[in-house]
N, C-alpha and C. Protein backbone atom coordinates (compact mmCIF):
# COMPACT_ATOMS: atom_id res chain seq x y z
N MET A 1 89.22 39.35 105.40
CA MET A 1 88.86 40.66 105.78
C MET A 1 89.37 41.74 106.16
N LYS A 2 90.49 40.95 107.15
CA LYS A 2 91.47 42.05 107.87
C LYS A 2 92.33 42.30 106.63
N THR A 3 92.30 41.70 105.40
CA THR A 3 93.47 42.35 104.23
C THR A 3 92.67 43.50 103.79
N HIS A 4 91.46 43.32 103.47
CA HIS A 4 90.28 44.49 103.12
C HIS A 4 90.22 45.51 103.83
N ARG A 5 90.14 45.53 104.89
CA ARG A 5 90.27 46.60 105.81
C ARG A 5 91.88 47.57 105.96
N ILE A 6 92.82 46.83 105.84
CA ILE A 6 93.97 47.66 105.57
C ILE A 6 94.45 47.97 104.42
N VAL A 7 93.79 47.62 103.33
CA VAL A 7 93.84 47.94 102.04
C VAL A 7 92.82 49.48 101.92
N LEU A 8 91.92 49.31 102.70
CA LEU A 8 91.05 50.35 102.76
C LEU A 8 91.85 51.76 103.64
N VAL A 9 92.18 51.16 104.39
CA VAL A 9 92.70 52.39 105.49
C VAL A 9 93.90 52.97 105.05
N ALA A 10 94.79 51.76 103.94
CA ALA A 10 96.03 52.67 103.27
C ALA A 10 95.43 53.74 102.15
N ALA A 11 94.45 53.08 101.23
CA ALA A 11 93.61 53.99 100.22
C ALA A 11 93.23 55.44 100.85
N ALA A 12 92.67 55.29 101.89
CA ALA A 12 92.53 56.47 102.50
C ALA A 12 93.51 57.31 103.41
N VAL A 13 94.43 56.87 103.39
CA VAL A 13 95.49 57.52 104.12
C VAL A 13 96.37 58.20 102.99
N GLY A 14 96.49 57.41 101.98
CA GLY A 14 96.89 58.07 100.63
C GLY A 14 96.30 59.18 99.90
N ALA A 15 94.85 58.94 99.95
CA ALA A 15 94.13 59.83 99.52
C ALA A 15 94.27 61.54 100.31
N LEU A 16 93.83 61.45 101.83
CA LEU A 16 93.92 62.37 102.70
C LEU A 16 95.71 62.66 102.53
N ALA A 17 96.94 62.09 102.19
CA ALA A 17 98.20 62.76 102.03
C ALA A 17 98.08 63.23 100.90
N LEU A 18 97.38 63.05 99.68
CA LEU A 18 97.27 63.72 98.02
C LEU A 18 96.22 64.87 98.55
N THR A 19 95.26 65.11 99.12
CA THR A 19 94.64 65.92 99.27
C THR A 19 95.01 67.06 100.24
N GLY A 20 95.86 66.73 101.04
CA GLY A 20 96.89 67.38 102.13
C GLY A 20 97.41 68.15 101.36
N SER A 21 98.49 67.62 100.53
CA SER A 21 99.74 68.03 99.98
C SER A 21 99.08 68.96 98.53
N ALA A 22 97.85 69.01 98.21
CA ALA A 22 97.28 69.72 97.10
C ALA A 22 96.68 70.96 98.22
N PHE A 23 96.42 71.01 98.94
CA PHE A 23 95.76 72.25 99.78
C PHE A 23 97.00 72.96 100.48
N GLY A 24 97.73 72.29 100.98
CA GLY A 24 99.19 72.67 101.70
C GLY A 24 99.83 73.61 100.75
N SER A 25 100.01 73.21 99.39
CA SER A 25 100.59 74.20 98.40
C SER A 25 100.02 75.27 98.27
N SER A 26 98.46 75.45 98.18
CA SER A 26 97.77 76.97 97.93
C SER A 26 97.66 77.52 99.32
N ALA A 27 97.82 76.87 100.36
CA ALA A 27 97.40 77.28 101.70
C ALA A 27 98.78 77.84 102.01
N HIS A 28 100.17 77.86 101.64
CA HIS A 28 101.60 78.39 102.04
C HIS A 28 101.95 78.72 100.69
N SER A 29 100.83 79.48 99.66
CA SER A 29 101.31 80.02 98.56
C SER A 29 102.12 81.37 98.83
N SER A 30 102.95 82.18 98.19
CA SER A 30 103.70 83.16 98.74
C SER A 30 102.88 84.01 97.58
N ALA A 31 102.03 84.02 97.00
CA ALA A 31 101.49 85.15 96.00
C ALA A 31 101.37 85.81 96.82
N ALA A 32 101.35 87.43 96.57
CA ALA A 32 101.15 88.49 97.14
C ALA A 32 99.95 89.27 97.09
N THR A 33 99.73 89.92 98.08
CA THR A 33 97.97 90.69 97.82
C THR A 33 98.31 91.63 97.07
N VAL A 34 97.08 91.85 96.56
CA VAL A 34 97.45 93.15 95.03
C VAL A 34 96.15 93.91 95.43
N VAL A 35 96.39 95.62 95.31
CA VAL A 35 95.90 96.38 95.26
C VAL A 35 95.70 96.84 93.86
N THR A 36 94.90 97.19 93.41
CA THR A 36 94.61 97.88 92.33
C THR A 36 93.59 98.64 92.10
N THR A 37 92.97 99.22 91.21
CA THR A 37 92.10 100.41 91.11
C THR A 37 90.56 99.82 89.92
N LYS A 38 89.73 100.56 90.27
CA LYS A 38 88.70 100.47 89.23
C LYS A 38 87.96 101.83 88.73
N LYS A 39 87.51 101.92 88.02
CA LYS A 39 86.79 103.30 87.55
C LYS A 39 85.23 102.84 87.88
N THR A 40 84.70 103.73 88.59
CA THR A 40 83.11 103.51 89.15
C THR A 40 82.35 104.61 88.71
N SER A 41 81.20 104.94 88.44
CA SER A 41 80.25 105.97 87.85
C SER A 41 80.24 106.97 89.36
N LEU A 42 80.06 106.43 90.40
CA LEU A 42 79.69 107.29 91.72
C LEU A 42 80.88 107.77 92.07
N TYR A 43 82.24 107.43 92.11
CA TYR A 43 83.33 107.61 92.99
C TYR A 43 84.55 107.62 92.31
N GLY A 44 84.69 107.67 90.94
CA GLY A 44 85.52 107.77 89.72
C GLY A 44 86.36 106.48 90.29
N THR A 45 87.85 106.99 90.11
CA THR A 45 88.83 105.44 90.16
C THR A 45 89.03 105.43 91.52
N ILE A 46 88.49 104.14 92.42
CA ILE A 46 88.90 103.83 93.32
C ILE A 46 89.85 102.60 93.51
N LEU A 47 90.13 102.44 94.81
CA LEU A 47 90.91 101.16 95.11
C LEU A 47 90.29 99.70 95.64
N VAL A 48 90.84 98.71 94.75
CA VAL A 48 90.15 97.43 94.87
C VAL A 48 90.90 96.33 95.12
N THR A 49 90.93 95.24 95.80
CA THR A 49 91.48 94.19 95.63
C THR A 49 92.05 93.44 94.49
N GLY A 50 92.96 92.40 94.31
CA GLY A 50 93.26 91.83 93.20
C GLY A 50 91.78 91.04 92.65
N SER A 51 90.88 90.53 93.62
CA SER A 51 89.88 90.19 92.90
C SER A 51 88.48 91.12 92.86
N GLY A 52 89.05 92.47 92.93
CA GLY A 52 87.75 93.27 92.60
C GLY A 52 86.92 93.76 93.90
N GLN A 53 87.51 93.31 94.91
CA GLN A 53 86.15 93.81 96.36
C GLN A 53 86.93 95.23 96.59
N THR A 54 85.86 96.04 96.61
CA THR A 54 86.15 97.09 97.29
C THR A 54 86.68 97.85 98.45
N LEU A 55 88.12 98.47 98.35
CA LEU A 55 88.46 98.86 99.63
C LEU A 55 88.53 100.22 100.32
N TYR A 56 88.36 100.04 101.39
CA TYR A 56 88.21 101.31 102.38
C TYR A 56 88.69 101.35 103.39
N LEU A 57 89.00 102.54 104.02
CA LEU A 57 89.90 103.05 105.22
C LEU A 57 88.74 103.43 106.39
N ASP A 58 89.04 103.43 107.22
CA ASP A 58 88.64 103.87 108.39
C ASP A 58 89.22 105.06 108.87
N SER A 59 88.32 106.05 109.15
CA SER A 59 88.55 107.22 109.24
C SER A 59 88.94 107.58 110.78
N ALA A 60 88.59 106.87 111.32
CA ALA A 60 88.65 106.68 113.21
C ALA A 60 89.73 106.06 113.33
N ASP A 61 90.71 105.39 112.59
CA ASP A 61 91.66 104.65 112.95
C ASP A 61 93.01 105.77 113.03
N LYS A 62 93.74 105.45 113.86
CA LYS A 62 95.21 106.16 114.45
C LYS A 62 95.91 105.04 113.66
N PRO A 63 97.25 105.72 113.64
CA PRO A 63 98.48 104.83 112.96
C PRO A 63 98.68 103.87 113.90
N GLY A 64 98.95 102.35 113.66
CA GLY A 64 98.91 101.48 114.57
C GLY A 64 97.64 101.08 115.56
N HIS A 65 96.73 101.75 115.63
CA HIS A 65 95.85 101.72 116.46
C HIS A 65 94.31 101.67 115.80
N PRO A 66 94.08 100.48 115.34
CA PRO A 66 92.56 100.33 114.50
C PRO A 66 91.55 100.81 115.74
N ALA A 67 90.51 101.46 115.13
CA ALA A 67 89.59 101.78 115.84
C ALA A 67 88.61 100.38 115.62
N CYS A 68 88.70 99.71 114.09
CA CYS A 68 87.86 98.42 114.03
C CYS A 68 88.40 97.28 114.82
N THR A 69 87.43 96.99 115.74
CA THR A 69 88.54 95.44 116.35
C THR A 69 86.98 94.92 116.93
N GLY A 70 87.23 93.57 117.17
CA GLY A 70 86.19 92.80 118.09
C GLY A 70 85.52 92.77 116.87
N GLY A 71 84.12 92.49 117.24
CA GLY A 71 82.83 92.54 115.91
C GLY A 71 82.81 93.12 115.10
N CYS A 72 83.57 94.07 115.14
CA CYS A 72 83.66 95.34 113.96
C CYS A 72 84.31 94.48 113.13
N LEU A 73 85.39 93.73 113.15
CA LEU A 73 85.95 93.10 111.91
C LEU A 73 85.29 92.02 111.20
N SER A 74 84.24 91.46 111.48
CA SER A 74 83.07 90.51 111.14
C SER A 74 82.47 91.24 109.99
N VAL A 75 82.38 92.56 109.82
CA VAL A 75 81.58 93.39 109.17
C VAL A 75 82.16 94.16 108.17
N TRP A 76 83.34 94.65 108.79
CA TRP A 76 84.76 95.57 107.88
C TRP A 76 86.11 94.23 108.16
N PRO A 77 86.17 93.52 107.08
CA PRO A 77 87.57 92.62 107.49
C PRO A 77 88.89 93.12 106.64
N PRO A 78 89.78 93.03 107.75
CA PRO A 78 90.86 93.92 107.29
C PRO A 78 91.61 92.68 105.88
N LEU A 79 92.25 94.05 105.37
CA LEU A 79 92.62 93.27 103.75
C LEU A 79 94.16 92.50 104.58
N LYS A 80 94.05 91.28 104.48
CA LYS A 80 95.45 90.48 105.05
C LYS A 80 96.46 90.68 103.62
N ALA A 81 97.69 90.92 104.58
CA ALA A 81 99.07 90.72 103.68
C ALA A 81 99.30 89.38 103.56
N SER A 82 99.69 88.67 102.35
CA SER A 82 100.09 87.80 101.85
C SER A 82 101.40 88.19 101.09
N GLY A 83 102.82 87.67 102.06
CA GLY A 83 103.80 88.33 100.86
C GLY A 83 103.90 89.68 100.75
N THR A 84 104.58 90.13 100.16
CA THR A 84 104.60 91.88 99.94
C THR A 84 103.77 92.36 98.98
N PRO A 85 102.75 93.15 99.36
CA PRO A 85 102.07 94.16 99.00
C PRO A 85 102.33 94.25 97.41
N LYS A 86 101.15 94.05 96.04
CA LYS A 86 101.73 94.76 95.17
C LYS A 86 100.70 95.46 94.75
N ALA A 87 101.28 96.50 93.79
CA ALA A 87 100.15 97.92 93.11
C ALA A 87 99.78 97.29 91.96
N SER A 88 98.69 97.16 91.48
CA SER A 88 98.55 97.33 89.90
C SER A 88 97.71 98.65 89.75
N GLY A 89 97.15 98.51 88.00
CA GLY A 89 96.48 100.03 87.88
C GLY A 89 96.90 101.15 88.21
N SER A 90 96.06 102.06 88.79
CA SER A 90 96.33 103.12 88.80
C SER A 90 97.52 103.19 90.43
N ALA A 91 96.88 102.26 90.88
CA ALA A 91 97.55 102.39 92.66
C ALA A 91 99.26 102.46 92.40
N LYS A 92 99.65 103.04 93.53
CA LYS A 92 100.98 103.38 93.78
C LYS A 92 101.76 102.32 94.90
N GLY A 93 102.58 101.65 94.36
CA GLY A 93 103.78 100.57 95.09
C GLY A 93 104.29 101.25 96.12
N SER A 94 104.75 102.40 96.06
CA SER A 94 105.24 103.33 97.12
C SER A 94 104.48 103.76 98.13
N LEU A 95 102.82 103.60 98.04
CA LEU A 95 101.97 104.23 99.22
C LEU A 95 101.50 102.89 99.88
N LEU A 96 101.86 101.63 99.56
CA LEU A 96 101.67 100.51 99.89
C LEU A 96 102.69 99.91 101.11
N GLY A 97 101.78 99.41 102.27
CA GLY A 97 102.62 99.06 103.34
C GLY A 97 101.80 98.04 103.93
N THR A 98 102.44 97.87 105.22
CA THR A 98 101.59 96.46 106.28
C THR A 98 101.51 97.03 107.49
N THR A 99 100.88 96.50 108.59
CA THR A 99 100.88 97.01 110.11
C THR A 99 100.52 95.59 110.42
N LYS A 100 100.96 95.54 111.90
CA LYS A 100 100.52 94.14 112.71
C LYS A 100 99.19 94.44 113.33
N ILE A 101 98.05 93.47 113.37
CA ILE A 101 97.29 94.00 113.87
C ILE A 101 96.94 92.81 115.39
N ALA A 102 95.61 92.65 116.08
CA ALA A 102 95.61 91.70 116.84
C ALA A 102 95.82 90.28 116.36
N GLY A 103 96.62 89.38 117.14
CA GLY A 103 96.91 88.13 116.60
C GLY A 103 98.18 88.08 115.69
N GLY A 104 99.26 88.90 115.83
CA GLY A 104 100.12 88.85 114.51
C GLY A 104 99.78 88.99 113.33
N VAL A 105 98.82 89.32 112.77
CA VAL A 105 98.23 89.54 111.48
C VAL A 105 98.99 90.95 110.75
N LYS A 106 99.15 90.43 109.71
CA LYS A 106 99.63 91.85 108.95
C LYS A 106 98.68 92.02 107.88
N GLN A 107 98.07 93.53 107.96
CA GLN A 107 96.98 94.33 107.26
C GLN A 107 97.66 95.35 106.63
N VAL A 108 97.44 95.20 105.26
CA VAL A 108 98.02 96.11 104.37
C VAL A 108 97.19 97.53 104.53
N THR A 109 98.47 98.18 104.32
CA THR A 109 98.01 99.84 104.59
C THR A 109 98.56 100.62 103.14
N TYR A 110 97.51 101.24 102.74
CA TYR A 110 97.79 102.42 101.65
C TYR A 110 97.91 103.84 102.13
N ASN A 111 98.75 104.40 101.49
CA ASN A 111 99.21 105.93 102.45
C ASN A 111 98.66 106.46 103.64
N GLY A 112 99.27 105.00 104.60
CA GLY A 112 99.47 104.81 105.70
C GLY A 112 98.05 104.89 106.81
N HIS A 113 97.12 104.34 105.71
CA HIS A 113 95.84 104.17 106.28
C HIS A 113 95.52 102.58 105.98
N GLN A 114 95.02 101.53 107.17
CA GLN A 114 94.77 100.42 107.25
C GLN A 114 93.52 99.94 105.97
N LEU A 115 93.37 99.17 105.36
CA LEU A 115 92.65 98.92 104.29
C LEU A 115 91.44 97.75 104.97
N TYR A 116 90.38 97.86 104.63
CA TYR A 116 89.43 96.91 104.94
C TYR A 116 88.56 96.59 103.61
N THR A 117 87.74 95.45 103.80
CA THR A 117 86.64 95.46 102.52
C THR A 117 85.25 95.55 103.73
N PHE A 118 84.19 95.25 102.85
CA PHE A 118 82.74 95.45 103.50
C PHE A 118 81.93 94.39 102.93
N ALA A 119 81.78 93.45 104.23
CA ALA A 119 81.19 92.07 104.48
C ALA A 119 79.72 92.19 103.36
N SER A 120 79.36 93.23 103.48
CA SER A 120 77.71 93.54 102.89
C SER A 120 77.88 93.99 101.26
N ASP A 121 79.08 94.21 100.76
CA ASP A 121 79.16 94.45 99.30
C ASP A 121 79.05 93.09 98.60
N SER A 122 78.44 93.83 97.52
CA SER A 122 78.00 92.12 96.30
C SER A 122 78.57 92.56 94.75
N SER A 123 78.74 91.96 94.19
CA SER A 123 78.61 92.25 93.00
C SER A 123 78.00 93.54 91.96
N SER A 124 76.60 93.15 92.80
CA SER A 124 75.67 94.39 92.18
C SER A 124 75.70 95.81 93.13
N SER A 125 75.97 95.49 94.04
CA SER A 125 76.66 96.56 95.21
C SER A 125 77.58 96.90 95.44
N PRO A 126 78.84 96.94 94.72
CA PRO A 126 80.12 96.98 95.10
C PRO A 126 80.46 98.06 96.14
N THR A 127 79.85 99.06 96.38
CA THR A 127 80.39 100.24 97.14
C THR A 127 79.17 100.79 98.33
N THR A 128 78.27 99.61 99.19
CA THR A 128 77.38 99.88 100.08
C THR A 128 78.02 100.41 101.14
N GLY A 129 79.12 100.04 101.58
CA GLY A 129 79.95 100.72 102.58
C GLY A 129 80.27 102.06 102.64
N GLU A 130 80.20 102.52 101.49
CA GLU A 130 80.77 103.91 101.58
C GLU A 130 79.83 104.99 102.64
N GLY A 131 80.75 105.52 103.50
CA GLY A 131 80.09 106.77 104.35
C GLY A 131 79.48 106.02 105.81
N SER A 132 79.57 104.97 105.36
CA SER A 132 79.03 104.16 106.69
C SER A 132 79.81 103.94 108.22
N HIS A 133 79.50 104.40 109.32
CA HIS A 133 80.38 104.51 110.33
C HIS A 133 81.84 105.03 110.12
N GLY A 134 81.63 106.09 109.21
CA GLY A 134 82.99 106.53 109.10
C GLY A 134 84.50 105.77 108.11
N PHE A 135 83.67 104.75 107.18
CA PHE A 135 84.50 104.02 106.37
C PHE A 135 84.44 104.79 105.17
N TYR A 136 85.36 104.96 104.29
CA TYR A 136 85.14 105.36 102.88
C TYR A 136 85.89 105.05 101.94
N VAL A 137 85.46 104.67 100.81
CA VAL A 137 86.09 104.30 99.75
C VAL A 137 87.41 104.82 99.42
N VAL A 138 88.59 104.53 98.84
CA VAL A 138 90.04 105.15 98.76
C VAL A 138 90.39 105.45 97.39
N SER A 139 90.89 106.45 97.31
CA SER A 139 91.71 106.99 96.09
C SER A 139 92.57 106.54 95.52
N PRO A 140 93.24 106.66 94.26
CA PRO A 140 94.49 106.45 94.33
C PRO A 140 95.66 107.07 94.80
N SER A 141 95.24 108.21 95.08
CA SER A 141 96.43 108.92 95.92
C SER A 141 96.35 108.78 97.70
N GLY A 142 95.33 107.75 97.88
CA GLY A 142 95.12 107.25 99.16
C GLY A 142 94.29 108.01 100.08
N LYS A 143 93.65 108.99 99.46
CA LYS A 143 92.65 109.44 100.29
C LYS A 143 91.23 109.17 100.20
N ALA A 144 90.68 109.36 101.39
CA ALA A 144 89.03 108.99 101.15
C ALA A 144 88.09 109.78 100.34
N ILE A 145 87.69 109.15 99.69
CA ILE A 145 86.59 109.86 98.93
C ILE A 145 85.05 109.72 99.46
N THR A 146 85.05 110.94 99.83
CA THR A 146 83.73 111.22 100.80
C THR A 146 82.15 111.74 100.42
N LYS A 147 82.90 111.94 98.69
CA LYS A 147 81.58 112.60 97.87
C LYS A 147 81.52 112.05 96.62
N SER A 148 80.21 111.77 96.02
CA SER A 148 80.26 110.87 94.91
C SER A 148 80.40 112.03 93.54
N VAL A 149 81.39 111.90 92.74
CA VAL A 149 81.43 112.51 91.66
C VAL A 149 80.18 112.48 90.39
N LYS A 150 79.54 111.92 91.06
CA LYS A 150 78.14 111.98 90.23
C LYS A 150 77.07 111.79 91.08
N PRO A 151 75.77 112.65 91.14
CA PRO A 151 75.06 112.03 91.93
C PRO A 151 74.42 110.68 91.70
N PRO A 152 73.40 110.61 92.94
CA PRO A 152 73.01 108.78 92.34
C PRO A 152 71.58 109.27 91.38
N GLY A 153 71.42 108.15 91.12
CA GLY A 153 70.20 108.35 89.78
C GLY A 153 70.78 109.18 88.81
N GLY A 154 71.80 109.62 88.78
CA GLY A 154 72.59 110.15 87.20
C GLY A 154 72.16 111.27 86.99
N GLY A 155 71.22 112.09 87.80
CA GLY A 155 71.35 113.63 87.87
C GLY A 155 72.33 114.22 87.74
N THR A 156 72.10 115.49 87.51
CA THR A 156 72.96 116.34 87.02
C THR A 156 73.51 117.56 88.48
N GLY A 157 72.80 117.42 89.53
CA GLY A 157 73.20 118.10 90.94
C GLY A 157 71.76 118.18 91.89
N TYR A 158 72.09 118.54 92.66
CA TYR A 158 71.15 118.63 93.85
C TYR A 158 70.50 120.36 93.59
């Protein structure tokens, strides 16, 4: 019975070691954060993450002093930097940077603006944060897009 327990414990420790090393290698991955672009019908070409999440800037931010803190960050998560951020698509690498925020976390910046995602965005509604509380989608030039290029509903104008 005692030998059986030792074998089980050894097997469990071995399994944990393998699982830990598998997770450890991905957790410490040096893959860089990617900022790329996506064409939208409402806003033209906008910045998105490497996985396609829309990126926003907060018009209330001041360089090095984010306006979004505390609970705001659960709604507007900052784009955290992993490695040196990389540009893809129409995004410009020369406009990418990072800044340190609370807890020593590095947040990706673009044209000096701190970048955020929006927790309520989904694949069917990828830009629902646009214009909400001063957050706007970002153009490849690094400016806030504050008006749609095409009126909602596909109309020709107001």
